[in-house]
Amino acid sequence: MKVIHLPLEIAGQMGMYCRAIKKFGHQAIGYNYFHTVLNYKDDILPVDGYEITNILEDAIQHFDIFHYHYMLTTFTDFRDLEMVAAAGKSMIMHHWGSDVRKARIATMYNPYVNMEGFPTEEEIHENLLKVSKYISTAIVQDYEVLPYVAPYYKKVHVLPVTVDISQFEPAYPRLDERYPLVVHAPTQPKYKGTEIIERVIKELQQIIPFRYQRIEKMNHEQAKNMYKQADIIIDQILAGSYGILAVESMAFGKPVITYVRDDLLRYYTDLPICTANPDTLHQVLKQLLLSPDLRNKKGQDGRKFVEKYHDINVVGLQLLQIYEQLLQNK
């Protein structure tokens, strides 16, 4: 099996998928034309838009599976999909949320979600029609994303975000820490609810002694070093589901605050995340700040959760099974 990932890296996921597939004895490589300060580079090749279009002809000759990400392909008008399909190659589209999140559906389930800056519903619909004309199978990261794309594909797989647990040495919150460190990384401040988060933090600092660190303008390794020092990590309080930062934080054994919608909780039997929205963040954070025992327990539970559901060895096997099914259904 020979797999190519295109055309951009999503929070290190593409690189880990490639590494996992190679571990199972197959070929895999990723090409990324979108470069950020996070500087993900494991198992992927950084290219520009011109270079990535130039490899297409050779890629069609060599690879069996084209794994696209974020409703993007080699060309902005998706014309490469017809070429790949004509060559009889298997394709899969991996949706990550903000590429397909429609305001009408999102606000129906979630009164807090911020849709500013997202594509319009018309744009999303047109793109999904173009992509699904040639691609019949899709992947989504969780059940929050599923309703946006399910009507367009014959098969949609839910594949959890992943981490290499061996690269995360747990550092559970200390029981004797008198001034716990709260960390927040506002990679998308309006989407994550950073303004509300920091207002609550200022309110609580008036009555409880603790430290706060805002993580920004750091590459991924620098940011991970800060996560490892934290006692509490706040991810986001608006979107309604958890993502890679929450998973990395739990891998380090940290208690995580993020908003998971009530209707999605039924998909998780042992989710250790401290779920909080703008109306409940004050109380949830206060409870964690005042209870070293709770912080430590949530950290321990989070590490076990990630080992069970999100480790690359677990998710990689699920991805391999998706690929095998894709090839069988050609």
Protein backbone atom coordinates (compact mmCIF):
# COMPACT_ATOMS: atom_id res chain seq x y z
CA MET A 1 0.00 0.00 0.00
CA LYS A 2 1.34 3.43 -1.01
CA VAL A 3 -0.36 6.50 0.48
CA ILE A 4 0.13 10.20 -0.21
CA HIS A 5 -1.29 12.94 2.04
CA LEU A 6 -2.12 16.33 0.50
CA PRO A 7 -1.95 19.30 0.60
CA LEU A 8 -1.51 20.69 4.13
CA GLU A 9 -0.62 19.60 7.64
CA ILE A 10 -3.28 19.81 10.35
CA ALA A 11 -1.74 20.10 13.84
CA GLY A 12 0.83 17.38 13.17
CA GLN A 13 -1.80 14.80 12.24
CA MET A 14 -0.62 14.19 8.68
CA GLY A 15 2.90 13.38 9.84
CA MET A 16 1.71 10.96 12.48
CA TYR A 17 -0.57 9.17 10.04
CA CYS A 18 2.38 8.69 7.69
CA ARG A 19 4.55 7.38 10.50
CA ALA A 20 1.87 4.94 11.64
CA ILE A 21 1.24 3.56 8.16
CA LYS A 22 4.98 3.06 7.61
CA LYS A 23 5.17 1.24 10.94
CA PHE A 24 2.65 -1.25 9.56
CA GLY A 25 4.95 -1.89 6.60
CA HIS A 26 3.45 0.40 3.97
CA GLN A 27 4.69 3.52 2.17
CA ALA A 28 3.37 6.93 3.17
CA ILE A 29 4.42 10.53 2.67
CA GLY A 30 2.80 13.91 3.16
CA TYR A 31 3.17 17.19 1.28
CA ASN A 32 2.39 20.43 3.08
CA TYR A 33 2.11 23.82 1.38
CA PHE A 34 0.80 25.76 4.38
CA HIS A 35 3.55 26.72 6.81
CA THR A 36 2.93 28.21 10.27
CA VAL A 37 4.93 29.20 13.35
CA LEU A 38 4.06 25.79 14.82
CA ASN A 39 6.53 24.30 12.32
CA TYR A 40 5.26 20.72 12.09
CA LYS A 41 7.71 18.76 9.97
CA ASP A 42 7.82 15.08 10.96
CA ASP A 43 7.32 12.69 8.01
CA ILE A 44 6.14 15.43 5.66
CA LEU A 45 7.77 17.52 2.94
CA PRO A 46 7.33 21.31 2.98
CA VAL A 47 6.53 22.58 -0.50
CA ASP A 48 4.88 25.57 -2.15
CA GLY A 49 1.77 25.57 -4.28
CA TYR A 50 3.74 25.38 -7.54
CA GLU A 51 5.79 22.39 -6.39
CA ILE A 52 2.78 20.46 -5.18
CA THR A 53 1.06 20.71 -8.57
CA ASN A 54 4.24 19.55 -10.31
CA ILE A 55 4.35 16.26 -8.43
CA LEU A 56 0.83 15.24 -9.41
CA GLU A 57 1.66 13.30 -12.57
CA ASP A 58 4.37 11.23 -10.87
CA ALA A 59 2.18 10.77 -7.79
CA ILE A 60 -0.64 9.32 -9.87
CA GLN A 61 1.79 6.78 -11.28
CA HIS A 62 3.19 5.78 -7.88
CA PHE A 63 0.55 5.99 -5.12
CA ASP A 64 -2.49 3.80 -4.48
CA ILE A 65 -4.37 6.13 -2.11
CA PHE A 66 -4.69 9.91 -2.17
CA HIS A 67 -5.62 11.18 1.31
CA TYR A 68 -6.71 14.82 1.06
CA HIS A 69 -7.20 17.15 4.02
CA TYR A 70 -9.38 20.15 4.86
CA MET A 71 -11.45 20.05 1.64
CA LEU A 72 -8.35 20.95 -0.36
CA THR A 73 -6.67 19.09 -3.20
CA THR A 74 -3.68 19.71 -5.44
CA PHE A 75 -5.49 22.38 -7.48
CA THR A 76 -7.77 25.04 -6.05
CA ASP A 77 -10.54 24.14 -8.52
CA PHE A 78 -10.35 20.39 -7.68
CA ARG A 79 -9.60 19.47 -11.29
CA ASP A 80 -6.94 16.98 -10.16
CA LEU A 81 -9.68 14.76 -8.71
CA GLU A 82 -10.88 13.81 -12.18
CA MET A 83 -7.31 12.93 -13.17
CA VAL A 84 -6.76 10.75 -10.09
CA ALA A 85 -10.14 9.06 -10.54
CA ALA A 86 -9.45 8.37 -14.23
CA ALA A 87 -6.25 6.58 -13.21
CA GLY A 88 -8.28 4.28 -10.98
CA LYS A 89 -6.68 5.48 -7.74
CA SER A 90 -8.52 5.48 -4.42
CA MET A 91 -9.23 8.82 -2.75
CA ILE A 92 -10.44 9.95 0.65
CA MET A 93 -11.25 13.43 1.98
CA HIS A 94 -10.49 14.26 5.61
CA HIS A 95 -12.64 17.07 7.03
CA TRP A 96 -11.52 18.90 10.17
CA GLY A 97 -14.40 21.15 11.14
CA SER A 98 -13.90 24.71 10.06
CA ASP A 99 -13.72 23.64 6.42
CA VAL A 100 -17.32 22.35 6.53
CA ARG A 101 -19.03 23.81 9.59
CA LYS A 102 -22.33 25.32 8.47
CA ALA A 103 -23.76 28.08 10.65
CA ARG A 104 -27.35 26.82 10.39
CA ILE A 105 -26.44 23.41 11.79
CA ALA A 106 -23.81 24.64 14.25
CA THR A 107 -26.07 27.20 15.93
CA MET A 108 -28.92 24.70 16.09
CA TYR A 109 -26.90 22.61 18.54
CA ASN A 110 -24.68 25.25 20.09
CA PRO A 111 -25.67 28.78 21.14
CA TYR A 112 -22.05 29.71 21.92
CA VAL A 113 -20.28 28.86 18.65
CA ASN A 114 -18.56 31.75 16.86
CA MET A 115 -18.91 31.39 13.08
CA GLU A 116 -17.01 34.56 12.20
CA GLY A 117 -14.50 34.00 9.40
CA PHE A 118 -15.90 30.64 8.26
CA PRO A 119 -16.84 29.98 4.63
CA THR A 120 -20.47 30.63 3.76
CA GLU A 121 -22.92 27.75 3.65
CA GLU A 122 -23.18 28.19 -0.12
CA GLU A 123 -19.40 27.89 -0.53
CA ILE A 124 -19.27 24.80 1.68
CA HIS A 125 -22.15 23.17 -0.19
CA GLU A 126 -20.64 23.83 -3.61
CA ASN A 127 -17.22 22.54 -2.57
CA LEU A 128 -18.69 19.40 -1.03
CA LEU A 129 -20.63 18.72 -4.23
CA LYS A 130 -17.47 19.09 -6.33
CA VAL A 131 -15.38 16.88 -4.06
CA SER A 132 -17.97 14.15 -3.50
CA LYS A 133 -18.50 13.83 -7.26
CA TYR A 134 -15.17 11.95 -7.32
CA ILE A 135 -14.61 10.97 -3.69
CA SER A 136 -17.15 8.68 -2.04
CA THR A 137 -15.44 8.17 1.34
CA ALA A 138 -14.61 10.81 3.95
CA ILE A 139 -13.08 10.99 7.42
CA VAL A 140 -14.09 13.38 10.21
CA GLN A 141 -12.35 13.91 13.53
CA ASP A 142 -15.44 13.55 15.71
CA TYR A 143 -19.22 13.44 15.84
CA GLU A 144 -19.52 17.23 15.91
CA VAL A 145 -18.23 17.40 12.34
CA LEU A 146 -20.18 14.38 11.07
CA PRO A 147 -23.57 16.05 10.34
CA TYR A 148 -21.99 18.64 8.05
CA VAL A 149 -20.66 16.07 5.59
CA ALA A 150 -22.74 12.89 6.03
CA PRO A 151 -25.28 13.76 3.29
CA TYR A 152 -22.56 14.10 0.65
CA TYR A 153 -20.61 10.83 0.92
CA LYS A 154 -21.45 7.14 0.68
CA LYS A 155 -19.28 6.43 3.74
CA VAL A 156 -17.96 8.68 6.51
CA HIS A 157 -15.55 7.34 9.13
CA VAL A 158 -15.02 8.99 12.53
CA LEU A 159 -11.29 8.87 13.27
CA PRO A 160 -10.09 10.48 16.53
CA VAL A 161 -7.26 13.00 16.51
CA THR A 162 -4.03 11.36 17.53
CA VAL A 163 -0.78 11.80 19.44
CA ASP A 164 2.30 9.66 19.84
CA ILE A 165 1.91 8.90 23.52
CA SER A 166 5.56 7.81 23.75
CA GLN A 167 6.58 11.42 23.09
CA PHE A 168 4.58 12.74 26.07
CA GLU A 169 6.02 12.08 29.49
CA PRO A 170 3.22 12.71 32.00
CA ALA A 171 3.76 15.46 34.57
CA TYR A 172 0.70 15.24 36.80
CA PRO A 173 -0.30 18.33 38.81
CA ARG A 174 1.43 18.38 42.19
CA LEU A 175 -0.72 18.00 45.26
CA ASP A 176 1.37 20.56 47.18
CA GLU A 177 1.25 23.32 44.50
CA ARG A 178 0.03 26.50 46.21
CA TYR A 179 0.04 28.70 43.11
CA PRO A 180 -1.24 26.55 40.24
CA LEU A 181 -0.35 27.58 36.69
CA VAL A 182 -3.24 28.01 34.24
CA VAL A 183 -2.31 27.92 30.55
CA HIS A 184 -4.33 28.95 27.49
CA ALA A 185 -3.20 28.92 23.84
CA PRO A 186 -5.36 31.29 21.76
CA THR A 187 -4.42 30.08 18.27
CA GLN A 188 -7.89 31.29 17.18
CA PRO A 189 -8.95 33.77 19.90
CA LYS A 190 -12.49 34.50 18.65
CA TYR A 191 -13.24 30.85 17.95
CA LYS A 192 -11.82 29.66 21.28
CA GLY A 193 -13.43 32.37 23.38
CA THR A 194 -10.15 33.85 24.61
CA GLU A 195 -11.67 37.18 25.64
CA ILE A 196 -14.19 35.46 27.91
CA ILE A 197 -11.57 33.05 29.27
CA GLU A 198 -9.18 35.83 30.23
CA ARG A 199 -11.96 37.90 31.80
CA VAL A 200 -12.88 34.96 34.05
CA ILE A 201 -9.21 34.43 34.89
CA LYS A 202 -8.87 38.06 35.99
CA GLU A 203 -11.99 37.75 38.14
CA LEU A 204 -10.72 34.63 39.87
CA GLN A 205 -7.25 36.08 40.42
CA GLN A 206 -8.89 38.62 42.70
CA ILE A 207 -9.93 35.88 45.12
CA ILE A 208 -7.63 32.88 44.48
CA PRO A 209 -3.82 32.90 44.18
CA PHE A 210 -2.72 31.33 40.88
CA ARG A 211 -0.55 32.07 37.85
CA TYR A 212 -1.64 32.50 34.23
CA GLN A 213 0.38 32.01 31.03
CA ARG A 214 -0.88 32.82 27.55
CA ILE A 215 0.86 30.70 24.89
CA GLU A 216 1.43 32.44 21.58
CA LYS A 217 4.12 32.95 18.93
CA MET A 218 5.82 29.66 19.84
CA ASN A 219 6.59 26.65 17.68
CA HIS A 220 5.01 23.35 18.62
CA GLU A 221 7.90 22.07 20.72
CA GLN A 222 8.13 25.32 22.71
CA ALA A 223 4.38 25.26 23.31
CA LYS A 224 4.53 21.63 24.48
CA ASN A 225 7.18 22.55 27.04
CA MET A 226 4.79 25.12 28.48
CA TYR A 227 1.89 22.66 28.54
CA LYS A 228 4.03 20.27 30.52
CA GLN A 229 4.57 22.88 33.23
CA ALA A 230 0.87 23.70 33.59
CA ASP A 231 -1.49 22.62 36.36
CA ILE A 232 -4.65 23.43 34.38
CA ILE A 233 -5.04 23.91 30.62
CA ILE A 234 -7.99 25.78 29.14
CA ASP A 235 -8.50 25.04 25.47
CA GLN A 236 -11.76 26.54 24.17
CA ILE A 237 -15.24 27.22 25.51
CA LEU A 238 -17.32 27.93 22.39
CA ALA A 239 -16.90 25.26 19.73
CA GLY A 240 -18.58 22.35 21.49
CA SER A 241 -16.02 19.59 20.96
CA TYR A 242 -12.41 18.91 21.91
CA GLY A 243 -9.39 18.87 19.62
CA ILE A 244 -5.68 18.20 19.45
CA LEU A 245 -4.63 20.65 22.19
CA ALA A 246 -6.95 18.95 24.66
CA VAL A 247 -5.55 15.55 23.65
CA GLU A 248 -1.92 16.68 23.96
CA SER A 249 -2.70 18.23 27.34
CA MET A 250 -4.28 15.02 28.61
CA ALA A 251 -1.28 13.08 27.28
CA PHE A 252 0.87 15.19 29.61
CA GLY A 253 -1.48 14.28 32.47
CA LYS A 254 -3.10 17.71 32.75
CA PRO A 255 -6.70 18.52 33.63
CA VAL A 256 -8.33 20.16 30.62
CA ILE A 257 -11.18 22.63 30.45
CA THR A 258 -13.03 22.77 27.14
CA TYR A 259 -16.63 22.86 26.04
CA VAL A 260 -18.13 19.57 24.86
CA ARG A 261 -21.79 19.81 23.90
CA ASP A 262 -24.22 17.82 26.02
CA ASP A 263 -25.55 15.92 23.00
CA LEU A 264 -22.02 14.73 22.13
CA LEU A 265 -21.17 13.42 25.59
CA ARG A 266 -23.09 10.21 24.88
CA TYR A 267 -20.33 9.16 22.48
CA TYR A 268 -17.79 9.09 25.33
CA THR A 269 -18.24 6.71 28.25
CA ASP A 270 -15.24 7.93 30.26
CA LEU A 271 -14.40 11.43 29.03
CA PRO A 272 -12.30 13.12 31.77
CA ILE A 273 -12.47 16.64 30.31
CA CYS A 274 -13.90 19.35 32.57
CA THR A 275 -16.51 20.70 30.19
CA ALA A 276 -17.31 24.39 30.53
CA ASN A 277 -19.03 27.04 28.42
CA PRO A 278 -19.09 30.83 28.97
CA ASP A 279 -21.85 30.46 31.57
CA THR A 280 -20.08 27.79 33.63
CA LEU A 281 -16.35 28.51 33.18
CA HIS A 282 -16.08 30.58 36.39
CA GLN A 283 -17.37 27.74 38.57
CA VAL A 284 -15.49 24.93 36.75
CA LEU A 285 -12.15 26.74 36.88
CA LYS A 286 -12.68 27.80 40.48
CA GLN A 287 -13.34 24.19 41.50
CA LEU A 288 -10.10 23.01 39.88
CA LEU A 289 -8.07 25.87 41.38
CA LEU A 290 -9.28 25.03 44.88
CA SER A 291 -8.78 21.26 44.63
CA PRO A 292 -5.26 19.84 44.07
CA ASP A 293 -6.73 16.34 44.45
CA LEU A 294 -9.21 16.94 41.64
CA ARG A 295 -6.51 18.37 39.38
CA ASN A 296 -4.33 15.33 39.93
CA LYS A 297 -7.18 12.86 39.42
CA LYS A 298 -8.34 14.54 36.21
CA GLY A 299 -4.73 14.47 35.01
CA GLN A 300 -4.41 10.76 35.73
CA ASP A 301 -7.75 9.99 34.07
CA GLY A 302 -6.86 12.09 31.04
CA ARG A 303 -3.62 10.22 30.44
CA LYS A 304 -5.47 6.87 30.55
CA PHE A 305 -8.12 8.21 28.18
CA VAL A 306 -5.55 9.26 25.59
CA GLU A 307 -3.70 5.95 25.85
CA LYS A 308 -6.98 4.13 25.22
CA TYR A 309 -8.46 6.21 22.40
CA HIS A 310 -5.95 8.65 20.89
CA ASP A 311 -2.51 7.03 20.80
CA ILE A 312 -1.09 6.70 17.30
CA ASN A 313 -0.85 2.92 17.65
CA VAL A 314 -4.61 2.76 18.25
CA VAL A 315 -5.66 5.39 15.70
CA GLY A 316 -3.10 4.19 13.15
CA LEU A 317 -4.65 0.73 13.14
CA GLN A 318 -8.09 2.25 12.61
CA LEU A 319 -6.73 4.30 9.69
CA LEU A 320 -5.12 1.22 8.15
CA GLN A 321 -8.48 -0.57 8.31
CA ILE A 322 -10.14 2.39 6.58
CA TYR A 323 -7.54 2.23 3.80
CA GLU A 324 -7.97 -1.52 3.39
CA GLN A 325 -11.73 -1.11 3.12
CA LEU A 326 -11.24 1.68 0.59
CA LEU A 327 -9.08 -0.51 -1.62
CA GLN A 328 -11.45 -3.45 -1.34
CA ASN A 329 -14.35 -1.30 -2.53
CA LYS A 330 -12.61 0.01 -5.65
